[in-house]
Amino acid sequence: MSNESVPAGEKLQKVLARAGMGSRREMERAIEAGRVTVNGEVAGLGERVTDDDQIEFDGRRLPGIEENRLRVILYNKPIGEICSRHDPEGRPTVYDRLPRLKSGRWISVGRLDFNTSGLLLFTNSGELANKLMHPSSVIDREYLVRIQGHVDDEVKKRLTSGVLLDDGQARFTDIVESGGEGTNRWFYCVVMEGRNREVRRLWESQGVRVSRLKRVRYGSVFIPSHVRVGQWIEMEPKEIDDLCITAGLPKLGQRPLTQSEKETLQRQRRKLRKAPSKATLKTAPSKPTPKSSPKPPSKAAPSRAKARNTRPTRKGRK
């Protein structure tokens, strides 16, 4: 075994990414451009830093470790909000309702379009956000959709086999019928990518209309039943650890919560649970037991049977 000492500290670009300044690749470019200083001197790419070092990014002091905690929040997006930080048309954005950060910024894990509701994740870690969105992480997204039009077994077969869209081949990995009558029916469907309006475009390629669309799952994360439309909830350290593993990042330097932070999380969850619950999709039927799929589940999510058992209880759903 070598007697050489292990270099102290972490690579600067990793520390910056974890602080929410951007992705690790973006931070590498920023360091090369001379935008980062350590203890008053321009930093070099690959430089290592410790908690005692004073880091500045574009002239702004990076927060100390006591402020630099990995955070993730789950937001139940309503229809009528956009996923941009600012809108020239003055429409509300998903960022309007989020809690303020003392440092860094909230980074959206993917996007939902103006007329789509449901689960959105936000984090202050650019590294975690990028890994969760990257196709190599193989994370599935599940949607509840109401279709107006004729859907038979042949349509479902084409959608799961693959359809050529404007930006390439796309498909659902799973489609499960979930009730409805005539030409107005509900389905759960799963995609493995986050392409723009992919779910709508897949259905519309078959000559049917999507009248409602809600994302209900991202990997192994579901919307808790007590988080109503327009509300957010902060994920606990254990939940964040699981999300990091899903993204292939088992260690991001997470520190334990302080007593004050624990009490804040507990107060928020009690407040949400006490508030009266409202069904966000009153006409949506319960999810049936899907047929077994020959395709093994992705590493990002539990099996569909296990996922149903862990899904928060809702009226008409087990």
Protein backbone atom coordinates (compact mmCIF):
# COMPACT_ATOMS: atom_id res chain seq x y z
CA MET A 1 0.00 0.00 0.00
CA SER A 2 1.25 3.47 -0.85
CA ASN A 3 2.28 5.73 2.00
CA GLU A 4 1.44 8.84 0.03
CA SER A 5 -1.07 11.02 1.82
CA VAL A 6 -4.50 11.55 0.27
CA PRO A 7 -4.93 15.19 -0.90
CA ALA A 8 -6.96 17.22 1.59
CA GLY A 9 -10.34 18.68 0.72
CA GLU A 10 -12.64 18.36 -2.28
CA LYS A 11 -12.27 19.49 -5.86
CA LEU A 12 -13.39 23.08 -6.22
CA GLN A 13 -15.81 22.44 -9.09
CA LYS A 14 -17.64 19.81 -7.04
CA VAL A 15 -18.02 22.18 -4.08
CA LEU A 16 -19.38 24.92 -6.36
CA ALA A 17 -21.86 22.56 -8.03
CA ARG A 18 -23.12 21.31 -4.66
CA ALA A 19 -23.64 24.91 -3.57
CA GLY A 20 -26.07 25.41 -6.45
CA MET A 21 -23.85 27.59 -8.63
CA GLY A 22 -24.40 25.35 -11.66
CA SER A 23 -23.42 21.94 -13.01
CA ARG A 24 -19.92 20.59 -12.43
CA ARG A 25 -19.06 21.08 -16.10
CA GLU A 26 -20.25 24.69 -15.96
CA MET A 27 -18.14 25.28 -12.87
CA GLU A 28 -15.07 23.84 -14.61
CA ARG A 29 -15.55 26.37 -17.40
CA ALA A 30 -16.05 29.18 -14.84
CA ILE A 31 -12.79 28.24 -13.09
CA GLU A 32 -10.91 28.17 -16.39
CA ALA A 33 -12.35 31.63 -17.17
CA GLY A 34 -10.90 33.01 -13.92
CA ARG A 35 -14.30 33.71 -12.31
CA VAL A 36 -13.46 31.85 -9.08
CA THR A 37 -11.01 32.81 -6.35
CA VAL A 38 -9.81 30.88 -3.30
CA ASN A 39 -8.45 32.94 -0.40
CA GLY A 40 -8.18 35.96 -2.68
CA GLU A 41 -6.26 34.26 -5.49
CA VAL A 42 -7.59 33.11 -8.86
CA ALA A 43 -8.32 29.39 -8.62
CA GLY A 44 -6.99 26.70 -10.92
CA LEU A 45 -8.95 23.79 -12.39
CA GLY A 46 -8.67 20.71 -10.17
CA GLU A 47 -7.74 22.73 -7.10
CA ARG A 48 -8.87 21.25 -3.80
CA VAL A 49 -10.49 23.26 -1.02
CA THR A 50 -11.47 22.68 2.61
CA ASP A 51 -14.07 24.22 4.92
CA ASP A 52 -11.48 26.78 6.04
CA ASP A 53 -10.97 28.22 2.55
CA GLN A 54 -12.75 31.40 1.48
CA ILE A 55 -14.26 30.90 -1.96
CA GLU A 56 -15.71 33.63 -4.17
CA PHE A 57 -17.66 33.13 -7.39
CA ASP A 58 -18.02 36.23 -9.60
CA GLY A 59 -17.05 38.33 -6.58
CA ARG A 60 -19.66 36.77 -4.29
CA ARG A 61 -18.61 34.85 -1.20
CA LEU A 62 -19.62 31.20 -1.19
CA PRO A 63 -21.56 30.25 1.98
CA GLY A 64 -19.90 28.24 4.69
CA ILE A 65 -20.69 24.61 5.31
CA GLU A 66 -23.33 25.48 7.91
CA GLU A 67 -25.40 27.13 5.14
CA ASN A 68 -24.44 24.72 2.36
CA ARG A 69 -26.85 21.81 2.89
CA LEU A 70 -28.14 19.69 0.04
CA ARG A 71 -31.86 20.36 -0.24
CA VAL A 72 -34.64 18.92 -2.40
CA ILE A 73 -38.26 20.00 -2.48
CA LEU A 74 -41.25 18.34 -4.13
CA TYR A 75 -43.76 20.73 -5.73
CA ASN A 76 -47.28 19.85 -6.90
CA LYS A 77 -47.49 22.12 -9.95
CA PRO A 78 -50.88 23.47 -10.99
CA ILE A 79 -51.99 24.07 -14.57
CA GLY A 80 -51.23 27.65 -15.63
CA GLU A 81 -47.65 28.03 -14.38
CA ILE A 82 -44.52 28.00 -16.53
CA CYS A 83 -41.17 26.48 -15.59
CA SER A 84 -39.06 29.53 -16.49
CA ARG A 85 -37.77 31.93 -13.84
CA HIS A 86 -39.20 34.94 -15.67
CA ASP A 87 -41.91 35.29 -18.30
CA PRO A 88 -42.15 38.25 -20.72
CA GLU A 89 -45.92 37.75 -20.80
CA GLY A 90 -46.19 38.10 -17.04
CA ARG A 91 -47.57 34.60 -16.42
CA PRO A 92 -46.98 32.99 -13.01
CA THR A 93 -43.95 30.72 -12.73
CA VAL A 94 -43.27 27.68 -10.57
CA TYR A 95 -40.55 29.67 -8.78
CA ASP A 96 -43.06 32.19 -7.40
CA ARG A 97 -44.23 29.79 -4.67
CA LEU A 98 -40.89 28.26 -3.69
CA PRO A 99 -39.14 29.13 -0.41
CA ARG A 100 -36.23 31.55 -0.55
CA LEU A 101 -32.67 30.28 -0.30
CA LYS A 102 -30.04 32.15 1.70
CA SER A 103 -27.54 31.27 -1.01
CA GLY A 104 -27.52 29.54 -4.37
CA ARG A 105 -30.72 28.95 -6.31
CA TRP A 106 -33.41 26.34 -6.88
CA ILE A 107 -32.78 24.20 -9.97
CA SER A 108 -35.70 22.43 -11.61
CA VAL A 109 -35.31 18.71 -12.31
CA GLY A 110 -36.92 18.72 -15.73
CA ARG A 111 -39.93 20.78 -16.78
CA LEU A 112 -43.69 20.52 -17.21
CA ASP A 113 -45.47 22.60 -19.81
CA PHE A 114 -48.08 25.30 -19.10
CA ASN A 115 -51.07 22.93 -19.32
CA THR A 116 -49.50 20.01 -17.42
CA SER A 117 -49.79 19.60 -13.65
CA GLY A 118 -48.15 17.35 -11.10
CA LEU A 119 -44.80 16.42 -9.62
CA LEU A 120 -41.77 18.68 -10.01
CA LEU A 121 -38.53 18.29 -8.06
CA PHE A 122 -36.23 21.21 -7.23
CA THR A 123 -32.77 21.07 -5.67
CA ASN A 124 -29.98 23.48 -4.80
CA SER A 125 -27.43 21.01 -6.23
CA GLY A 126 -26.62 21.43 -9.91
CA GLU A 127 -24.84 18.08 -9.88
CA LEU A 128 -27.85 16.19 -8.53
CA ALA A 129 -30.27 17.96 -10.91
CA ASN A 130 -28.15 17.15 -13.95
CA LYS A 131 -27.73 13.50 -13.02
CA LEU A 132 -31.48 13.08 -12.40
CA MET A 133 -32.26 14.55 -15.84
CA HIS A 134 -29.52 12.82 -17.84
CA PRO A 135 -30.72 9.92 -20.06
CA SER A 136 -27.87 7.73 -18.78
CA SER A 137 -29.53 7.62 -15.35
CA VAL A 138 -32.49 5.70 -16.88
CA ILE A 139 -35.19 7.22 -14.65
CA ASP A 140 -38.83 6.71 -15.58
CA ARG A 141 -41.58 9.32 -15.37
CA GLU A 142 -45.21 8.26 -14.91
CA TYR A 143 -48.20 10.33 -16.03
CA LEU A 144 -51.96 10.14 -15.60
CA VAL A 145 -53.61 11.20 -18.84
CA ARG A 146 -57.22 11.64 -20.01
CA ILE A 147 -57.66 10.82 -23.68
CA GLN A 148 -60.47 11.86 -25.99
CA GLY A 149 -60.58 9.54 -28.98
CA HIS A 150 -60.45 5.88 -29.92
CA VAL A 151 -57.72 3.85 -28.19
CA ASP A 152 -57.55 0.11 -28.85
CA ASP A 153 -54.91 -2.56 -28.41
CA GLU A 154 -53.33 -1.69 -31.77
CA VAL A 155 -52.87 1.95 -30.73
CA LYS A 156 -51.28 0.89 -27.43
CA LYS A 157 -49.04 -1.58 -29.23
CA ARG A 158 -47.77 1.13 -31.59
CA LEU A 159 -47.13 3.51 -28.71
CA THR A 160 -45.11 0.94 -26.74
CA SER A 161 -43.25 -0.34 -29.83
CA GLY A 162 -42.13 3.11 -30.91
CA VAL A 163 -43.36 6.09 -32.92
CA LEU A 164 -41.23 8.39 -35.08
CA LEU A 165 -41.68 11.98 -33.87
CA ASP A 166 -40.09 15.16 -35.24
CA ASP A 167 -37.11 14.74 -32.90
CA GLY A 168 -36.67 10.99 -33.30
CA GLN A 169 -38.09 7.69 -32.14
CA ALA A 170 -40.09 7.68 -28.88
CA ARG A 171 -42.27 5.25 -26.99
CA PHE A 172 -44.05 4.47 -23.75
CA THR A 173 -42.53 1.66 -21.71
CA ASP A 174 -45.92 0.97 -20.12
CA ILE A 175 -49.57 1.92 -20.68
CA VAL A 176 -52.27 0.92 -18.19
CA GLU A 177 -55.94 1.73 -18.75
CA SER A 178 -57.55 3.34 -15.73
CA GLY A 179 -61.26 3.71 -16.45
CA GLY A 180 -63.56 6.06 -18.28
CA GLU A 181 -66.27 5.49 -20.86
CA GLY A 182 -66.54 5.62 -24.63
CA THR A 183 -63.98 7.96 -26.15
CA ASN A 184 -63.14 9.72 -22.88
CA ARG A 185 -60.77 7.43 -20.97
CA TRP A 186 -57.93 7.59 -18.44
CA PHE A 187 -54.52 5.93 -18.77
CA TYR A 188 -51.29 5.72 -16.79
CA CYS A 189 -48.26 5.84 -19.08
CA VAL A 190 -44.50 5.80 -18.51
CA VAL A 191 -41.65 7.41 -20.46
CA MET A 192 -37.92 7.15 -19.83
CA GLU A 193 -36.93 10.57 -21.16
CA GLY A 194 -37.81 14.20 -20.52
CA ARG A 195 -38.23 15.44 -24.09
CA ASN A 196 -40.38 18.49 -24.75
CA ARG A 197 -44.13 17.61 -24.68
CA GLU A 198 -43.21 13.99 -25.37
CA VAL A 199 -46.27 12.43 -23.73
CA ARG A 200 -48.71 14.71 -25.57
CA ARG A 201 -46.95 14.24 -28.91
CA LEU A 202 -46.95 10.46 -28.59
CA TRP A 203 -50.70 10.32 -27.99
CA GLU A 204 -51.47 12.94 -30.63
CA SER A 205 -49.50 10.91 -33.19
CA GLN A 206 -52.36 8.39 -32.97
CA GLY A 207 -55.05 10.93 -33.80
CA VAL A 208 -56.39 11.34 -30.25
CA ARG A 209 -56.55 14.40 -27.99
CA VAL A 210 -54.99 14.80 -24.54
CA SER A 211 -57.48 16.71 -22.38
CA ARG A 212 -55.73 16.31 -18.98
CA LEU A 213 -52.15 15.46 -18.11
CA LYS A 214 -50.55 15.10 -14.70
CA ARG A 215 -47.16 13.72 -13.70
CA VAL A 216 -47.59 11.44 -10.70
CA ARG A 217 -44.15 9.86 -10.31
CA TYR A 218 -40.47 10.62 -10.99
CA GLY A 219 -38.36 7.51 -10.44
CA SER A 220 -39.40 6.24 -7.01
CA VAL A 221 -40.83 9.59 -5.86
CA PHE A 222 -44.62 10.04 -5.71
CA ILE A 223 -46.72 13.07 -4.77
CA PRO A 224 -47.79 12.62 -1.11
CA SER A 225 -51.58 12.71 -0.72
CA HIS A 226 -51.44 15.68 1.68
CA VAL A 227 -49.44 17.92 -0.72
CA ARG A 228 -52.16 19.69 -2.65
CA VAL A 229 -51.91 21.55 -5.96
CA GLY A 230 -49.71 24.63 -5.56
CA GLN A 231 -47.99 23.32 -2.42
CA TRP A 232 -44.42 22.12 -1.85
CA ILE A 233 -42.78 19.93 0.76
CA GLU A 234 -39.10 19.57 1.63
CA MET A 235 -37.68 16.07 1.42
CA GLU A 236 -36.00 14.58 4.50
CA PRO A 237 -32.33 13.46 4.50
CA LYS A 238 -33.23 9.77 4.11
CA GLU A 239 -35.41 10.57 1.09
CA ILE A 240 -32.63 12.69 -0.41
CA ASP A 241 -30.12 9.86 0.14
CA ASP A 242 -32.42 7.52 -1.82
CA LEU A 243 -32.72 10.09 -4.60
CA CYS A 244 -28.93 10.43 -4.79
CA ILE A 245 -28.59 6.66 -5.12
CA THR A 246 -31.21 6.73 -7.89
CA ALA A 247 -29.10 9.34 -9.70
CA GLY A 248 -25.91 7.32 -9.22
CA LEU A 249 -24.52 9.81 -6.66
CA PRO A 250 -24.39 7.95 -3.34
CA LYS A 251 -22.36 10.69 -1.65
CA LEU A 252 -22.81 14.43 -2.07
CA GLY A 253 -21.38 15.59 1.25
CA GLN A 254 -24.73 15.67 3.04
CA ARG A 255 -24.39 16.85 6.63
CA PRO A 256 -26.83 15.97 9.46
CA LEU A 257 -29.72 18.37 10.09
CA THR A 258 -29.42 20.79 12.96
CA GLN A 259 -32.13 20.72 15.63
CA SER A 260 -33.58 23.93 14.20
CA GLU A 261 -33.76 22.43 10.70
CA LYS A 262 -35.44 19.28 12.03
CA GLU A 263 -38.08 21.36 13.82
CA THR A 264 -38.72 23.43 10.69
CA LEU A 265 -39.32 20.29 8.60
CA GLN A 266 -41.62 18.82 11.24
CA ARG A 267 -43.66 22.04 11.47
CA GLN A 268 -44.09 22.18 7.72
CA ARG A 269 -45.31 18.58 7.49
CA ARG A 270 -47.75 19.05 10.39
CA LYS A 271 -49.13 22.17 8.69
CA LEU A 272 -49.71 20.35 5.41
CA ARG A 273 -51.40 17.37 7.09
CA LYS A 274 -53.78 19.57 9.10
CA ALA A 275 -54.99 21.50 6.05
CA PRO A 276 -58.19 20.18 4.40
CA SER A 277 -57.47 17.87 1.50
CA LYS A 278 -58.86 18.50 -1.98
CA ALA A 279 -58.90 15.98 -4.81
CA THR A 280 -56.91 17.41 -7.68
CA LEU A 281 -58.38 15.04 -10.26
CA LYS A 282 -61.84 14.22 -8.96
CA THR A 283 -62.88 12.32 -12.06
CA ALA A 284 -59.75 10.19 -12.22
CA PRO A 285 -60.46 6.56 -11.30
CA SER A 286 -58.24 4.37 -9.17
CA LYS A 287 -55.23 2.73 -10.73
CA PRO A 288 -55.82 -0.93 -11.65
CA THR A 289 -53.29 -3.70 -11.32
CA PRO A 290 -51.25 -3.63 -14.53
CA LYS A 291 -50.29 -6.68 -16.45
CA SER A 292 -46.79 -7.92 -15.84
CA SER A 293 -44.32 -6.46 -18.29
CA PRO A 294 -41.55 -8.49 -19.92
CA LYS A 295 -39.29 -5.45 -19.58
CA PRO A 296 -37.44 -5.34 -16.24
CA PRO A 297 -37.97 -2.17 -14.21
CA SER A 298 -35.32 0.53 -14.41
CA LYS A 299 -32.80 0.93 -11.63
CA ALA A 300 -34.42 4.26 -10.83
CA ALA A 301 -37.76 2.90 -9.65
CA PRO A 302 -39.11 -0.02 -7.65
CA SER A 303 -41.16 -2.65 -9.46
CA ARG A 304 -44.65 -1.44 -10.38
CA ALA A 305 -46.19 -3.73 -7.76
CA LYS A 306 -43.88 -2.37 -5.08
CA ALA A 307 -44.48 1.18 -6.25
CA ARG A 308 -48.22 0.76 -5.85
CA ASN A 309 -47.77 -0.54 -2.32
CA THR A 310 -45.70 2.50 -1.38
CA ARG A 311 -47.88 5.05 -3.14
CA PRO A 312 -49.62 7.34 -0.61
CA THR A 313 -53.24 6.30 -0.04
CA ARG A 314 -55.86 8.30 -1.90
CA LYS A 315 -59.59 8.02 -2.21
CA GLY A 316 -60.36 5.11 -4.48
CA ARG A 317 -56.71 4.02 -4.68
CA LYS A 318 -54.82 1.42 -2.77
